[in-house]
Amino acid sequence: MNGRKFFKTFNLLIEILKKLFLILPKFVIRFLFSIFSSGSSNFLVFTRYLLLSRLCKSIGHNVYTGPNIVLKHAEKLSLGKNVSIHAGCYIDAGGFIDIGDNVSIAHMSSIISFDHSYDDINVPIKYNPLQYKKVTINNDVWIGCGARILSGVNIGSRSIVAAGAVVTKDVPENSLVVGVPARVIKRIN
């Protein structure tokens, strides 16, 4: 049974389980997420979904999270429906991240919603203040393996970010972007 059918068939049970997870304090949920973060059985994937439903700002149905993802500041992360985040991804939502519906994020990709400033020359760069900027990934986007999405970026609907691309500026809708830094090489329909 695929995820969409599972969520349609067991919607009432899923909603009840999500409400039960509201009882647990967030530090317990974070701890459980770390325990259940490895492995790819259906049980572990579903457990991660329930835990994320408590941690994230919002989450749609049928959200798949693969093993060993790193998720920081989940309370500032919104996930649409039919989203897949594959193994080894790193997501830091400190500056807010909104991910739309039908988005696939391939393994080992990163989405980072902050930059390091370097204005204070009396302080090492790593101790300068962070600058937070929201990242938006609209509906129907495919992010290839090892891609890097940096802060302040808006990726338009029905776009593809090629494997290994580093996205430093907005991506227009219906676009294929490649390279470092990413650039549009093709319009898609």
Protein backbone atom coordinates (compact mmCIF):
# COMPACT_ATOMS: atom_id res chain seq x y z
CA MET A 1 0.00 0.00 0.00
CA ASN A 2 1.47 3.36 -0.98
CA GLY A 3 1.57 6.33 1.39
CA ARG A 4 -1.32 8.25 -0.16
CA LYS A 5 -3.64 5.23 0.10
CA PHE A 6 -2.45 4.51 3.66
CA PHE A 7 -3.23 8.05 4.81
CA LYS A 8 -6.63 7.98 3.10
CA THR A 9 -7.56 4.59 4.58
CA PHE A 10 -6.34 5.22 8.12
CA ASN A 11 -6.92 8.98 8.39
CA LEU A 12 -9.05 8.79 11.56
CA LEU A 13 -6.53 6.56 13.37
CA ILE A 14 -3.64 8.79 12.30
CA GLU A 15 -5.40 11.90 13.65
CA ILE A 16 -6.07 10.14 16.98
CA LEU A 17 -2.41 9.09 17.26
CA LYS A 18 -1.28 12.65 16.46
CA LYS A 19 -3.48 13.95 19.30
CA LEU A 20 -2.00 11.39 21.69
CA PHE A 21 1.49 12.64 20.86
CA LEU A 22 0.40 16.13 22.03
CA ILE A 23 0.51 14.78 25.59
CA LEU A 24 4.26 14.23 25.44
CA PRO A 25 6.60 17.16 26.13
CA LYS A 26 8.67 18.34 23.18
CA PHE A 27 11.98 17.29 24.75
CA VAL A 28 10.65 13.72 24.89
CA ILE A 29 9.51 13.95 21.26
CA ARG A 30 12.98 15.20 20.20
CA PHE A 31 14.62 12.35 22.11
CA LEU A 32 12.30 9.78 20.50
CA PHE A 33 12.97 11.28 17.06
CA SER A 34 16.71 10.76 17.59
CA ILE A 35 16.08 7.15 18.64
CA PHE A 36 13.84 6.41 15.65
CA SER A 37 15.96 8.38 13.15
CA SER A 38 17.75 5.41 11.63
CA GLY A 39 16.19 2.60 9.67
CA SER A 40 13.69 2.59 6.85
CA SER A 41 10.97 0.15 7.89
CA ASN A 42 7.38 1.32 7.45
CA PHE A 43 7.02 1.35 11.25
CA LEU A 44 9.98 3.72 11.67
CA VAL A 45 8.84 6.00 8.82
CA PHE A 46 5.34 6.24 10.32
CA THR A 47 6.73 6.83 13.83
CA ARG A 48 8.92 9.66 12.51
CA TYR A 49 5.82 11.17 10.84
CA LEU A 50 3.91 11.13 14.15
CA LEU A 51 6.86 12.68 15.99
CA LEU A 52 7.27 15.38 13.33
CA SER A 53 3.56 16.17 13.56
CA ARG A 54 4.32 17.30 17.11
CA LEU A 55 7.62 19.06 16.34
CA CYS A 56 6.91 20.92 13.10
CA LYS A 57 5.01 24.18 12.69
CA SER A 58 2.70 22.28 10.31
CA ILE A 59 2.74 18.99 8.41
CA GLY A 60 0.51 17.54 5.71
CA HIS A 61 -0.44 13.93 5.10
CA ASN A 62 1.93 11.41 3.57
CA VAL A 63 5.25 12.95 4.58
CA TYR A 64 8.15 10.51 4.25
CA THR A 65 11.39 11.09 6.12
CA GLY A 66 14.22 8.72 5.36
CA PRO A 67 16.79 7.53 7.84
CA ASN A 68 19.44 9.73 9.40
CA ILE A 69 18.07 13.15 8.54
CA VAL A 70 19.21 16.03 10.72
CA LEU A 71 16.43 18.47 11.51
CA LYS A 72 17.10 21.63 13.51
CA HIS A 73 14.50 24.18 14.62
CA ALA A 74 11.61 21.95 13.49
CA GLU A 75 9.14 24.36 15.11
CA LYS A 76 9.90 26.76 12.24
CA LEU A 77 9.40 24.15 9.50
CA SER A 78 6.17 23.76 7.50
CA LEU A 79 5.75 20.67 5.36
CA GLY A 80 2.98 20.21 2.78
CA LYS A 81 1.41 16.92 1.77
CA ASN A 82 3.14 14.18 -0.25
CA VAL A 83 6.61 15.38 0.72
CA SER A 84 9.62 13.06 0.76
CA ILE A 85 12.88 13.89 2.49
CA HIS A 86 15.38 11.13 1.80
CA ALA A 87 18.31 9.71 3.77
CA GLY A 88 21.02 11.92 5.17
CA CYS A 89 19.42 15.32 4.52
CA TYR A 90 20.31 18.29 6.72
CA ILE A 91 17.58 20.87 7.33
CA ASP A 92 18.03 23.91 9.59
CA ALA A 93 14.84 25.96 9.77
CA GLY A 94 16.13 28.65 12.16
CA GLY A 95 15.02 31.36 9.72
CA PHE A 96 11.82 29.46 8.74
CA ILE A 97 11.41 26.97 5.91
CA ASP A 98 8.14 26.39 4.04
CA ILE A 99 7.97 23.31 1.82
CA GLY A 100 4.88 22.94 -0.39
CA ASP A 101 2.99 19.89 -1.64
CA ASN A 102 4.45 17.11 -3.81
CA VAL A 103 8.09 17.97 -3.10
CA SER A 104 10.87 15.40 -3.26
CA ILE A 105 14.22 16.11 -1.62
CA ALA A 106 16.81 13.52 -2.59
CA HIS A 107 19.39 12.05 -0.24
CA MET A 108 22.24 14.06 1.25
CA SER A 109 20.70 17.47 0.38
CA SER A 110 20.86 20.50 2.67
CA ILE A 111 18.43 23.36 3.25
CA ILE A 112 19.83 26.14 5.43
CA SER A 113 17.89 29.26 6.43
CA PHE A 114 20.70 31.37 7.86
CA ASP A 115 24.05 32.91 6.94
CA HIS A 116 27.02 33.85 9.08
CA SER A 117 27.71 37.55 9.21
CA TYR A 118 31.28 38.80 9.27
CA ASP A 119 30.92 42.52 9.96
CA ASP A 120 32.53 42.61 13.42
CA ILE A 121 36.25 42.29 12.67
CA ASN A 122 37.06 42.07 16.40
CA VAL A 123 35.24 38.75 16.65
CA PRO A 124 36.02 35.54 14.74
CA ILE A 125 33.53 35.00 11.90
CA LYS A 126 32.11 31.89 13.53
CA TYR A 127 31.07 34.03 16.55
CA ASN A 128 29.53 36.87 14.52
CA PRO A 129 25.72 36.97 14.67
CA LEU A 130 23.69 34.75 12.37
CA GLN A 131 21.40 36.34 9.77
CA TYR A 132 18.16 34.38 9.37
CA LYS A 133 16.30 34.38 6.04
CA LYS A 134 13.25 32.31 5.13
CA VAL A 135 13.48 29.57 2.49
CA THR A 136 10.38 28.72 0.43
CA ILE A 137 10.10 25.63 -1.73
CA ASN A 138 6.82 25.78 -3.62
CA ASN A 139 4.64 22.90 -4.87
CA ASP A 140 5.86 20.20 -7.27
CA VAL A 141 9.62 20.65 -6.83
CA TRP A 142 12.28 17.97 -7.18
CA ILE A 143 15.60 18.59 -5.44
CA GLY A 144 18.34 16.27 -6.68
CA CYS A 145 20.81 14.45 -4.45
CA GLY A 146 23.47 16.51 -2.74
CA ALA A 147 21.85 19.84 -3.63
CA ARG A 148 22.35 22.81 -1.30
CA ILE A 149 19.55 25.34 -0.82
CA LEU A 150 20.83 28.45 0.96
CA SER A 151 19.03 31.12 2.98
CA GLY A 152 16.58 33.59 1.51
CA VAL A 153 15.82 31.46 -1.56
CA ASN A 154 12.39 30.96 -3.15
CA ILE A 155 12.12 27.96 -5.47
CA GLY A 156 9.18 28.33 -7.87
CA SER A 157 6.56 25.66 -8.50
CA ARG A 158 7.28 22.76 -10.86
CA SER A 159 11.02 23.25 -10.80
CA ILE A 160 13.97 20.88 -10.65
CA VAL A 161 17.20 21.52 -8.78
CA ALA A 162 19.83 19.22 -10.31
CA ALA A 163 22.04 16.96 -8.23
CA GLY A 164 24.90 18.84 -6.62
CA ALA A 165 23.53 22.30 -7.43
CA VAL A 166 24.03 25.14 -4.94
CA VAL A 167 21.02 27.46 -5.00
CA THR A 168 21.95 30.97 -3.85
CA LYS A 169 19.13 32.98 -5.48
CA ASP A 170 15.49 32.54 -6.41
CA VAL A 171 14.50 29.88 -8.95
CA PRO A 172 11.65 30.84 -11.32
CA GLU A 173 8.76 28.40 -11.65
CA ASN A 174 8.98 25.74 -14.38
CA SER A 175 12.78 25.81 -14.38
CA LEU A 176 15.66 23.34 -14.33
CA VAL A 177 18.67 24.73 -12.47
CA VAL A 178 22.18 23.24 -12.38
CA GLY A 179 25.66 24.16 -11.21
CA VAL A 180 27.53 26.08 -8.55
CA PRO A 181 26.03 28.59 -8.20
CA ALA A 182 22.81 27.24 -9.71
CA ARG A 183 21.59 28.80 -12.95
CA VAL A 184 18.57 28.15 -15.15
CA ILE A 185 19.45 25.99 -18.16
CA LYS A 186 15.98 25.03 -19.30
CA ARG A 187 12.33 25.97 -18.91
CA ILE A 188 10.09 22.93 -18.28
CA ASN A 189 6.33 22.46 -18.60
